[in-house]
């Protein structure tokens, strides 16, 4: 997955600018993002503080690692079952 060119802190700053009264179009022009990207950021980071966003990122990273470990364990299990079935 492609990383954003903005950090969580910058994204939350953009959202706070819009919440403070700046129009969405002006915020998008200022930071060089499309309105679709802005609303995607708003859906993901809206209402979060910087510390919450960091915690979210850490949890997403940990979740990805755990999913990878689970997939590897399931593959190993399937291989062992195949070997056991062939020995019979």
PDB file of N, CA and C in Angstrom:
ATOM      1  N   UNK A   1       0.834  -1.168   0.000  1.00  0.00           N
ATOM      2  CA  UNK A   1       0.000   0.000   0.000  1.00  0.00           C
ATOM      3  C   UNK A   1       0.884   1.238   0.000  1.00  0.00           C
ATOM      4  N   UNK A   2       0.543   2.204  -0.805  1.00  0.00           N
ATOM      5  CA  UNK A   2       1.333   3.420  -0.934  1.00  0.00           C
ATOM      6  C   UNK A   2       1.175   4.288   0.318  1.00  0.00           C
ATOM      7  N   UNK A   3       2.283   4.794   0.796  1.00  0.00           N
ATOM      8  CA  UNK A   3       2.258   5.671   1.964  1.00  0.00           C
ATOM      9  C   UNK A   3       1.825   7.066   1.546  1.00  0.00           C
ATOM     10  N   UNK A   4       1.146   7.745   2.435  1.00  0.00           N
ATOM     11  CA  UNK A   4       0.700   9.105   2.184  1.00  0.00           C
ATOM     12  C   UNK A   4       1.904  10.040   2.198  1.00  0.00           C
ATOM     13  N   UNK A   5       1.827  11.090   1.428  1.00  0.00           N
ATOM     14  CA  UNK A   5       2.934  12.049   1.454  1.00  0.00           C
ATOM     15  C   UNK A   5       2.818  12.984   2.650  1.00  0.00           C
ATOM     16  N   UNK A   6       1.706  12.879   3.372  1.00  0.00           N
ATOM     17  CA  UNK A   6       1.498  13.683   4.567  1.00  0.00           C
ATOM     18  C   UNK A   6       1.532  12.784   5.797  1.00  0.00           C
ATOM     19  N   UNK A   7       2.105  13.301   6.878  1.00  0.00           N
ATOM     20  CA  UNK A   7       2.095  12.555   8.130  1.00  0.00           C
ATOM     21  C   UNK A   7       0.725  12.701   8.785  1.00  0.00           C
ATOM     22  N   UNK A   8       0.484  11.889   9.799  1.00  0.00           N
ATOM     23  CA  UNK A   8      -0.786  11.983  10.512  1.00  0.00           C
ATOM     24  C   UNK A   8      -0.979  13.374  11.107  1.00  0.00           C
ATOM     25  N   UNK A   9       0.114  13.952  11.606  1.00  0.00           N
ATOM     26  CA  UNK A   9       0.036  15.283  12.200  1.00  0.00           C
ATOM     27  C   UNK A   9      -0.399  16.322  11.170  1.00  0.00           C
ATOM     28  N   UNK A  10       0.155  16.221   9.959  1.00  0.00           N
ATOM     29  CA  UNK A  10      -0.201  17.168   8.904  1.00  0.00           C
ATOM     30  C   UNK A  10      -1.654  16.993   8.476  1.00  0.00           C
ATOM     31  N   UNK A  11      -2.096  15.757   8.385  1.00  0.00           N
ATOM     32  CA  UNK A  11      -3.478  15.494   7.988  1.00  0.00           C
ATOM     33  C   UNK A  11      -4.441  16.049   9.030  1.00  0.00           C
ATOM     34  N   UNK A  12      -4.149  15.812  10.293  1.00  0.00           N
ATOM     35  CA  UNK A  12      -5.009  16.329  11.360  1.00  0.00           C
ATOM     36  C   UNK A  12      -4.986  17.849  11.357  1.00  0.00           C
ATOM     37  N   UNK A  13      -3.835  18.444  11.038  1.00  0.00           N
ATOM     38  CA  UNK A  13      -3.758  19.899  10.911  1.00  0.00           C
ATOM     39  C   UNK A  13      -4.659  20.421   9.807  1.00  0.00           C
ATOM     40  N   UNK A  14      -4.686  19.719   8.669  1.00  0.00           N
ATOM     41  CA  UNK A  14      -5.586  20.109   7.571  1.00  0.00           C
ATOM     42  C   UNK A  14      -7.038  20.058   8.022  1.00  0.00           C
ATOM     43  N   UNK A  15      -7.386  18.989   8.717  1.00  0.00           N
ATOM     44  CA  UNK A  15      -8.768  18.837   9.172  1.00  0.00           C
ATOM     45  C   UNK A  15      -9.145  19.925  10.172  1.00  0.00           C
ATOM     46  N   UNK A  16      -8.202  20.292  11.028  1.00  0.00           N
ATOM     47  CA  UNK A  16      -8.476  21.349  12.010  1.00  0.00           C
ATOM     48  C   UNK A  16      -8.640  22.708  11.329  1.00  0.00           C
ATOM     49  N   UNK A  17      -7.884  22.948  10.241  1.00  0.00           N
ATOM     50  CA  UNK A  17      -8.055  24.190   9.479  1.00  0.00           C
ATOM     51  C   UNK A  17      -9.474  24.282   8.934  1.00  0.00           C
ATOM     52  N   UNK A  18      -9.965  23.169   8.403  1.00  0.00           N
ATOM     53  CA  UNK A  18     -11.313  23.156   7.848  1.00  0.00           C
ATOM     54  C   UNK A  18     -12.354  23.317   8.951  1.00  0.00           C
ATOM     55  N   UNK A  19     -12.129  22.691  10.101  1.00  0.00           N
ATOM     56  CA  UNK A  19     -13.053  22.814  11.226  1.00  0.00           C
ATOM     57  C   UNK A  19     -13.075  24.233  11.773  1.00  0.00           C
ATOM     58  N   UNK A  20     -11.954  24.953  11.638  1.00  0.00           N
ATOM     59  CA  UNK A  20     -11.856  26.316  12.156  1.00  0.00           C
ATOM     60  C   UNK A  20     -12.588  27.324  11.279  1.00  0.00           C
ATOM     61  N   UNK A  21     -13.081  26.889  10.125  1.00  0.00           N
ATOM     62  CA  UNK A  21     -13.862  27.791   9.297  1.00  0.00           C
ATOM     63  C   UNK A  21     -13.357  27.982   7.884  1.00  0.00           C
ATOM     64  N   UNK A  22     -12.176  27.495   7.588  1.00  0.00           N
ATOM     65  CA  UNK A  22     -11.651  27.595   6.228  1.00  0.00           C
ATOM     66  C   UNK A  22     -12.440  26.634   5.336  1.00  0.00           C
ATOM     67  N   UNK A  23     -12.754  27.054   4.130  1.00  0.00           N
ATOM     68  CA  UNK A  23     -13.543  26.189   3.248  1.00  0.00           C
ATOM     69  C   UNK A  23     -12.724  24.967   2.838  1.00  0.00           C
ATOM     70  N   UNK A  24     -13.428  23.900   2.535  1.00  0.00           N
ATOM     71  CA  UNK A  24     -12.772  22.657   2.126  1.00  0.00           C
ATOM     72  C   UNK A  24     -11.952  22.871   0.861  1.00  0.00           C
ATOM     73  N   UNK A  25     -12.508  23.623  -0.085  1.00  0.00           N
ATOM     74  CA  UNK A  25     -11.794  23.881  -1.336  1.00  0.00           C
ATOM     75  C   UNK A  25     -10.496  24.645  -1.076  1.00  0.00           C
ATOM     76  N   UNK A  26     -10.540  25.613  -0.159  1.00  0.00           N
ATOM     77  CA  UNK A  26      -9.343  26.396   0.152  1.00  0.00           C
ATOM     78  C   UNK A  26      -8.275  25.530   0.815  1.00  0.00           C
ATOM     79  N   UNK A  27      -8.689  24.664   1.715  1.00  0.00           N
ATOM     80  CA  UNK A  27      -7.733  23.766   2.380  1.00  0.00           C
ATOM     81  C   UNK A  27      -7.103  22.827   1.353  1.00  0.00           C
ATOM     82  N   UNK A  28      -7.929  22.307   0.448  1.00  0.00           N
ATOM     83  CA  UNK A  28      -7.417  21.396  -0.587  1.00  0.00           C
ATOM     84  C   UNK A  28      -6.417  22.099  -1.498  1.00  0.00           C
ATOM     85  N   UNK A  29      -6.726  23.327  -1.896  1.00  0.00           N
ATOM     86  CA  UNK A  29      -5.803  24.098  -2.748  1.00  0.00           C
ATOM     87  C   UNK A  29      -4.504  24.388  -2.010  1.00  0.00           C
ATOM     88  N   UNK A  30      -4.614  24.791  -0.756  1.00  0.00           N
ATOM     89  CA  UNK A  30      -3.433  25.163   0.031  1.00  0.00           C
ATOM     90  C   UNK A  30      -2.457  23.991   0.159  1.00  0.00           C
ATOM     91  N   UNK A  31      -2.998  22.792   0.350  1.00  0.00           N
ATOM     92  CA  UNK A  31      -2.145  21.627   0.591  1.00  0.00           C
ATOM     93  C   UNK A  31      -1.945  20.758  -0.645  1.00  0.00           C
ATOM     94  N   UNK A  32      -2.622  21.101  -1.731  1.00  0.00           N
ATOM     95  CA  UNK A  32      -2.431  20.370  -2.979  1.00  0.00           C
ATOM     96  C   UNK A  32      -3.019  18.969  -2.978  1.00  0.00           C
ATOM     97  N   UNK A  33      -4.188  18.812  -2.363  1.00  0.00           N
ATOM     98  CA  UNK A  33      -4.862  17.515  -2.376  1.00  0.00           C
ATOM     99  C   UNK A  33      -6.232  17.667  -3.027  1.00  0.00           C
ATOM    100  N   UNK A  34      -6.758  16.578  -3.536  1.00  0.00           N
ATOM    101  CA  UNK A  34      -8.096  16.624  -4.128  1.00  0.00           C
ATOM    102  C   UNK A  34      -9.132  16.581  -3.009  1.00  0.00           C
ATOM    103  N   UNK A  35     -10.338  16.986  -3.346  1.00  0.00           N
ATOM    104  CA  UNK A  35     -11.393  16.962  -2.334  1.00  0.00           C
ATOM    105  C   UNK A  35     -11.718  15.522  -1.931  1.00  0.00           C
ATOM    106  N   UNK A  36     -11.588  14.578  -2.867  1.00  0.00           N
ATOM    107  CA  UNK A  36     -11.829  13.167  -2.535  1.00  0.00           C
ATOM    108  C   UNK A  36     -10.823  12.682  -1.493  1.00  0.00           C
ATOM    109  N   UNK A  37      -9.561  13.068  -1.671  1.00  0.00           N
ATOM    110  CA  UNK A  37      -8.529  12.695  -0.708  1.00  0.00           C
ATOM    111  C   UNK A  37      -8.805  13.340   0.638  1.00  0.00           C
ATOM    112  N   UNK A  38      -9.214  14.605   0.621  1.00  0.00           N
ATOM    113  CA  UNK A  38      -9.517  15.304   1.866  1.00  0.00           C
ATOM    114  C   UNK A  38     -10.622  14.579   2.630  1.00  0.00           C
ATOM    115  N   UNK A  39     -11.682  14.194   1.930  1.00  0.00           N
ATOM    116  CA  UNK A  39     -12.794  13.528   2.601  1.00  0.00           C
ATOM    117  C   UNK A  39     -12.419  12.118   3.057  1.00  0.00           C
ATOM    118  N   UNK A  40     -11.485  11.480   2.339  1.00  0.00           N
ATOM    119  CA  UNK A  40     -10.981  10.182   2.784  1.00  0.00           C
ATOM    120  C   UNK A  40     -10.209  10.355   4.094  1.00  0.00           C
ATOM    121  N   UNK A  41      -9.375  11.404   4.154  1.00  0.00           N
ATOM    122  CA  UNK A  41      -8.658  11.709   5.391  1.00  0.00           C
ATOM    123  C   UNK A  41      -9.637  12.020   6.516  1.00  0.00           C
ATOM    124  N   UNK A  42     -10.686  12.765   6.187  1.00  0.00           N
ATOM    125  CA  UNK A  42     -11.668  13.156   7.197  1.00  0.00           C
ATOM    126  C   UNK A  42     -12.387  11.927   7.752  1.00  0.00           C
ATOM    127  N   UNK A  43     -12.687  10.969   6.881  1.00  0.00           N
ATOM    128  CA  UNK A  43     -13.353   9.748   7.335  1.00  0.00           C
ATOM    129  C   UNK A  43     -12.444   8.936   8.256  1.00  0.00           C
ATOM    130  N   UNK A  44     -11.152   8.939   7.959  1.00  0.00           N
ATOM    131  CA  UNK A  44     -10.229   8.129   8.750  1.00  0.00           C
ATOM    132  C   UNK A  44      -9.748   8.845  10.009  1.00  0.00           C
ATOM    133  N   UNK A  45      -9.427  10.130   9.902  1.00  0.00           N
ATOM    134  CA  UNK A  45      -8.803  10.848  11.009  1.00  0.00           C
ATOM    135  C   UNK A  45      -9.707  11.890  11.661  1.00  0.00           C
ATOM    136  N   UNK A  46     -10.932  12.052  11.187  1.00  0.00           N
ATOM    137  CA  UNK A  46     -11.823  13.063  11.745  1.00  0.00           C
ATOM    138  C   UNK A  46     -12.088  12.819  13.219  1.00  0.00           C
ATOM    139  N   UNK A  47     -11.912  13.831  14.041  1.00  0.00           N
ATOM    140  CA  UNK A  47     -12.154  13.716  15.472  1.00  0.00           C
ATOM    141  C   UNK A  47     -10.993  13.146  16.259  1.00  0.00           C
ATOM    142  N   UNK A  48      -9.906  12.788  15.596  1.00  0.00           N
ATOM    143  CA  UNK A  48      -8.756  12.232  16.305  1.00  0.00           C
ATOM    144  C   UNK A  48      -7.758  13.327  16.652  1.00  0.00           C
ATOM    145  N   UNK A  49      -7.055  13.107  17.725  1.00  0.00           N
ATOM    146  CA  UNK A  49      -5.913  13.945  18.070  1.00  0.00           C
ATOM    147  C   UNK A  49      -4.658  13.256  17.533  1.00  0.00           C
ATOM    148  N   UNK A  50      -3.541  13.959  17.572  1.00  0.00           N
ATOM    149  CA  UNK A  50      -2.293  13.421  17.020  1.00  0.00           C
ATOM    150  C   UNK A  50      -1.907  12.121  17.727  1.00  0.00           C
ATOM    151  N   UNK A  51      -2.037  12.085  19.051  1.00  0.00           N
ATOM    152  CA  UNK A  51      -1.669  10.874  19.794  1.00  0.00           C
ATOM    153  C   UNK A  51      -2.570   9.700  19.412  1.00  0.00           C
ATOM    154  N   UNK A  52      -3.854   9.984  19.174  1.00  0.00           N
ATOM    155  CA  UNK A  52      -4.775   8.930  18.745  1.00  0.00           C
ATOM    156  C   UNK A  52      -4.387   8.400  17.373  1.00  0.00           C
ATOM    157  N   UNK A  53      -3.968   9.284  16.482  1.00  0.00           N
ATOM    158  CA  UNK A  53      -3.574   8.870  15.133  1.00  0.00           C
ATOM    159  C   UNK A  53      -2.323   7.999  15.182  1.00  0.00           C
ATOM    160  N   UNK A  54      -1.383   8.351  16.044  1.00  0.00           N
ATOM    161  CA  UNK A  54      -0.175   7.526  16.183  1.00  0.00           C
ATOM    162  C   UNK A  54      -0.538   6.137  16.705  1.00  0.00           C
ATOM    163  N   UNK A  55      -1.439   6.098  17.667  1.00  0.00           N
ATOM    164  CA  UNK A  55      -1.876   4.822  18.228  1.00  0.00           C
ATOM    165  C   UNK A  55      -2.593   3.997  17.159  1.00  0.00           C
ATOM    166  N   UNK A  56      -3.421   4.645  16.356  1.00  0.00           N
ATOM    167  CA  UNK A  56      -4.116   3.962  15.265  1.00  0.00           C
ATOM    168  C   UNK A  56      -3.114   3.354  14.290  1.00  0.00           C
ATOM    169  N   UNK A  57      -2.095   4.109  13.923  1.00  0.00           N
ATOM    170  CA  UNK A  57      -1.070   3.619  12.999  1.00  0.00           C
ATOM    171  C   UNK A  57      -0.349   2.409  13.600  1.00  0.00           C
ATOM    172  N   UNK A  58      -0.002   2.486  14.888  1.00  0.00           N
ATOM    173  CA  UNK A  58       0.684   1.371  15.537  1.00  0.00           C
ATOM    174  C   UNK A  58      -0.198   0.125  15.557  1.00  0.00           C
ATOM    175  N   UNK A  59      -1.476   0.304  15.836  1.00  0.00           N
ATOM    176  CA  UNK A  59      -2.394  -0.833  15.857  1.00  0.00           C
ATOM    177  C   UNK A  59      -2.571  -1.436  14.465  1.00  0.00           C
ATOM    178  N   UNK A  60      -2.634  -0.587  13.436  1.00  0.00           N
ATOM    179  CA  UNK A  60      -2.755  -1.095  12.064  1.00  0.00           C
ATOM    180  C   UNK A  60      -1.512  -1.883  11.663  1.00  0.00           C
ATOM    181  N   UNK A  61      -0.335  -1.382  12.047  1.00  0.00           N
ATOM    182  CA  UNK A  61       0.908  -2.094  11.739  1.00  0.00           C
ATOM    183  C   UNK A  61       0.950  -3.449  12.443  1.00  0.00           C
ATOM    184  N   UNK A  62       0.580  -3.449  13.725  1.00  0.00           N
ATOM    185  CA  UNK A  62       0.572  -4.693  14.487  1.00  0.00           C
ATOM    186  C   UNK A  62      -0.431  -5.681  13.891  1.00  0.00           C
ATOM    187  N   UNK A  63      -1.587  -5.189  13.498  1.00  0.00           N
ATOM    188  CA  UNK A  63      -2.608  -6.047  12.897  1.00  0.00           C
ATOM    189  C   UNK A  63      -2.096  -6.681  11.603  1.00  0.00           C
ATOM    190  N   UNK A  64      -1.394  -5.906  10.793  1.00  0.00           N
ATOM    191  CA  UNK A  64      -0.824  -6.444   9.557  1.00  0.00           C
ATOM    192  C   UNK A  64       0.188  -7.544   9.823  1.00  0.00           C
ATOM    193  N   UNK A  65       1.040  -7.338  10.831  1.00  0.00           N
ATOM    194  CA  UNK A  65       2.033  -8.353  11.178  1.00  0.00           C
ATOM    195  C   UNK A  65       1.362  -9.633  11.668  1.00  0.00           C
ATOM    196  N   UNK A  66       0.325  -9.472  12.493  1.00  0.00           N
ATOM    197  CA  UNK A  66      -0.381 -10.642  13.010  1.00  0.00           C
ATOM    198  C   UNK A  66      -1.092 -11.407  11.896  1.00  0.00           C
ATOM    199  N   UNK A  67      -1.656 -10.686  10.935  1.00  0.00           N
ATOM    200  CA  UNK A  67      -2.307 -11.350   9.803  1.00  0.00           C
ATOM    201  C   UNK A  67      -1.296 -12.149   8.992  1.00  0.00           C
ATOM    202  N   UNK A  68      -0.108 -11.585   8.813  1.00  0.00           N
ATOM    203  CA  UNK A  68       0.939 -12.282   8.071  1.00  0.00           C
ATOM    204  C   UNK A  68       1.373 -13.547   8.816  1.00  0.00           C
ATOM    205  N   UNK A  69       1.546 -13.438  10.142  1.00  0.00           N
ATOM    206  CA  UNK A  69       1.920 -14.606  10.936  1.00  0.00           C
ATOM    207  C   UNK A  69       0.848 -15.692  10.861  1.00  0.00           C
ATOM    208  N   UNK A  70      -0.415 -15.288  10.924  1.00  0.00           N
ATOM    209  CA  UNK A  70      -1.508 -16.252  10.839  1.00  0.00           C
ATOM    210  C   UNK A  70      -1.510 -16.956   9.486  1.00  0.00           C
ATOM    211  N   UNK A  71      -1.309 -16.205   8.420  1.00  0.00           N
ATOM    212  CA  UNK A  71      -1.287 -16.803   7.081  1.00  0.00           C
ATOM    213  C   UNK A  71      -0.149 -17.808   6.955  1.00  0.00           C
ATOM    214  N   UNK A  72       1.017 -17.468   7.494  1.00  0.00           N
ATOM    215  CA  UNK A  72       2.155 -18.390   7.441  1.00  0.00           C
ATOM    216  C   UNK A  72       1.875 -19.650   8.256  1.00  0.00           C
ATOM    217  N   UNK A  73       1.269 -19.491   9.434  1.00  0.00           N
ATOM    218  CA  UNK A  73       0.955 -20.645  10.276  1.00  0.00           C
ATOM    219  C   UNK A  73      -0.076 -21.545   9.598  1.00  0.00           C
ATOM    220  N   UNK A  74      -1.063 -20.945   8.946  1.00  0.00           N
ATOM    221  CA  UNK A  74      -2.072 -21.738   8.246  1.00  0.00           C
ATOM    222  C   UNK A  74      -1.451 -22.496   7.076  1.00  0.00           C
ATOM    223  N   UNK A  75      -0.505 -21.863   6.390  1.00  0.00           N
ATOM    224  CA  UNK A  75       0.181 -22.526   5.280  1.00  0.00           C
ATOM    225  C   UNK A  75       1.017 -23.700   5.790  1.00  0.00           C
ATOM    226  N   UNK A  76       1.755 -23.478   6.885  1.00  0.00           N
ATOM    227  CA  UNK A  76       2.540 -24.563   7.484  1.00  0.00           C
ATOM    228  C   UNK A  76       1.635 -25.720   7.896  1.00  0.00           C
ATOM    229  N   UNK A  77       0.500 -25.393   8.481  1.00  0.00           N
ATOM    230  CA  UNK A  77      -0.452 -26.412   8.918  1.00  0.00           C
ATOM    231  C   UNK A  77      -0.964 -27.220   7.729  1.00  0.00           C
ATOM    232  N   UNK A  78      -1.290 -26.550   6.641  1.00  0.00           N
ATOM    233  CA  UNK A  78      -1.778 -27.244   5.447  1.00  0.00           C
ATOM    234  C   UNK A  78      -0.704 -28.166   4.872  1.00  0.00           C
ATOM    235  N   UNK A  79       0.537 -27.706   4.873  1.00  0.00           N
ATOM    236  CA  UNK A  79       1.647 -28.527   4.364  1.00  0.00           C
ATOM    237  C   UNK A  79       1.819 -29.770   5.231  1.00  0.00           C
ATOM    238  N   UNK A  80       1.767 -29.604   6.553  1.00  0.00           N
ATOM    239  CA  UNK A  80       1.913 -30.748   7.460  1.00  0.00           C
ATOM    240  C   UNK A  80       0.767 -31.743   7.287  1.00  0.00           C
ATOM    241  N   UNK A  81      -0.432 -31.254   7.067  1.00  0.00           N
ATOM    242  CA  UNK A  81      -1.568 -32.151   6.838  1.00  0.00           C
ATOM    243  C   UNK A  81      -1.379 -32.933   5.543  1.00  0.00           C
ATOM    244  N   UNK A  82      -0.854 -32.268   4.508  1.00  0.00           N
ATOM    245  CA  UNK A  82      -0.577 -32.948   3.237  1.00  0.00           C
ATOM    246  C   UNK A  82       0.445 -34.060   3.429  1.00  0.00           C
ATOM    247  N   UNK A  83       1.510 -33.761   4.151  1.00  0.00           N
ATOM    248  CA  UNK A  83       2.568 -34.747   4.385  1.00  0.00           C
ATOM    249  C   UNK A  83       2.015 -35.919   5.188  1.00  0.00           C
ATOM    250  N   UNK A  84       1.221 -35.627   6.208  1.00  0.00           N
ATOM    251  CA  UNK A  84       0.647 -36.694   7.037  1.00  0.00           C
ATOM    252  C   UNK A  84      -0.307 -37.565   6.227  1.00  0.00           C
ATOM    253  N   UNK A  85      -1.063 -36.962   5.340  1.00  0.00           N
ATOM    254  CA  UNK A  85      -2.005 -37.726   4.518  1.00  0.00           C
ATOM    255  C   UNK A  85      -1.271 -38.623   3.526  1.00  0.00           C
ATOM    256  N   UNK A  86      -0.143 -38.186   3.012  1.00  0.00           N
ATOM    257  CA  UNK A  86       0.622 -38.981   2.045  1.00  0.00           C
ATOM    258  C   UNK A  86       1.320 -40.163   2.715  1.00  0.00           C
ATOM    259  N   UNK A  87       1.632 -40.048   4.002  1.00  0.00           N
ATOM    260  CA  UNK A  87       2.320 -41.125   4.713  1.00  0.00           C
ATOM    261  C   UNK A  87       1.384 -42.285   5.017  1.00  0.00           C
ATOM    262  N   UNK A  88       0.103 -42.076   4.979  1.00  0.00           N
ATOM    263  CA  UNK A  88      -0.863 -43.140   5.308  1.00  0.00           C
ATOM    264  C   UNK A  88      -0.955 -44.150   4.245  1.00  0.00           C
TER     265      UNK A  88
END
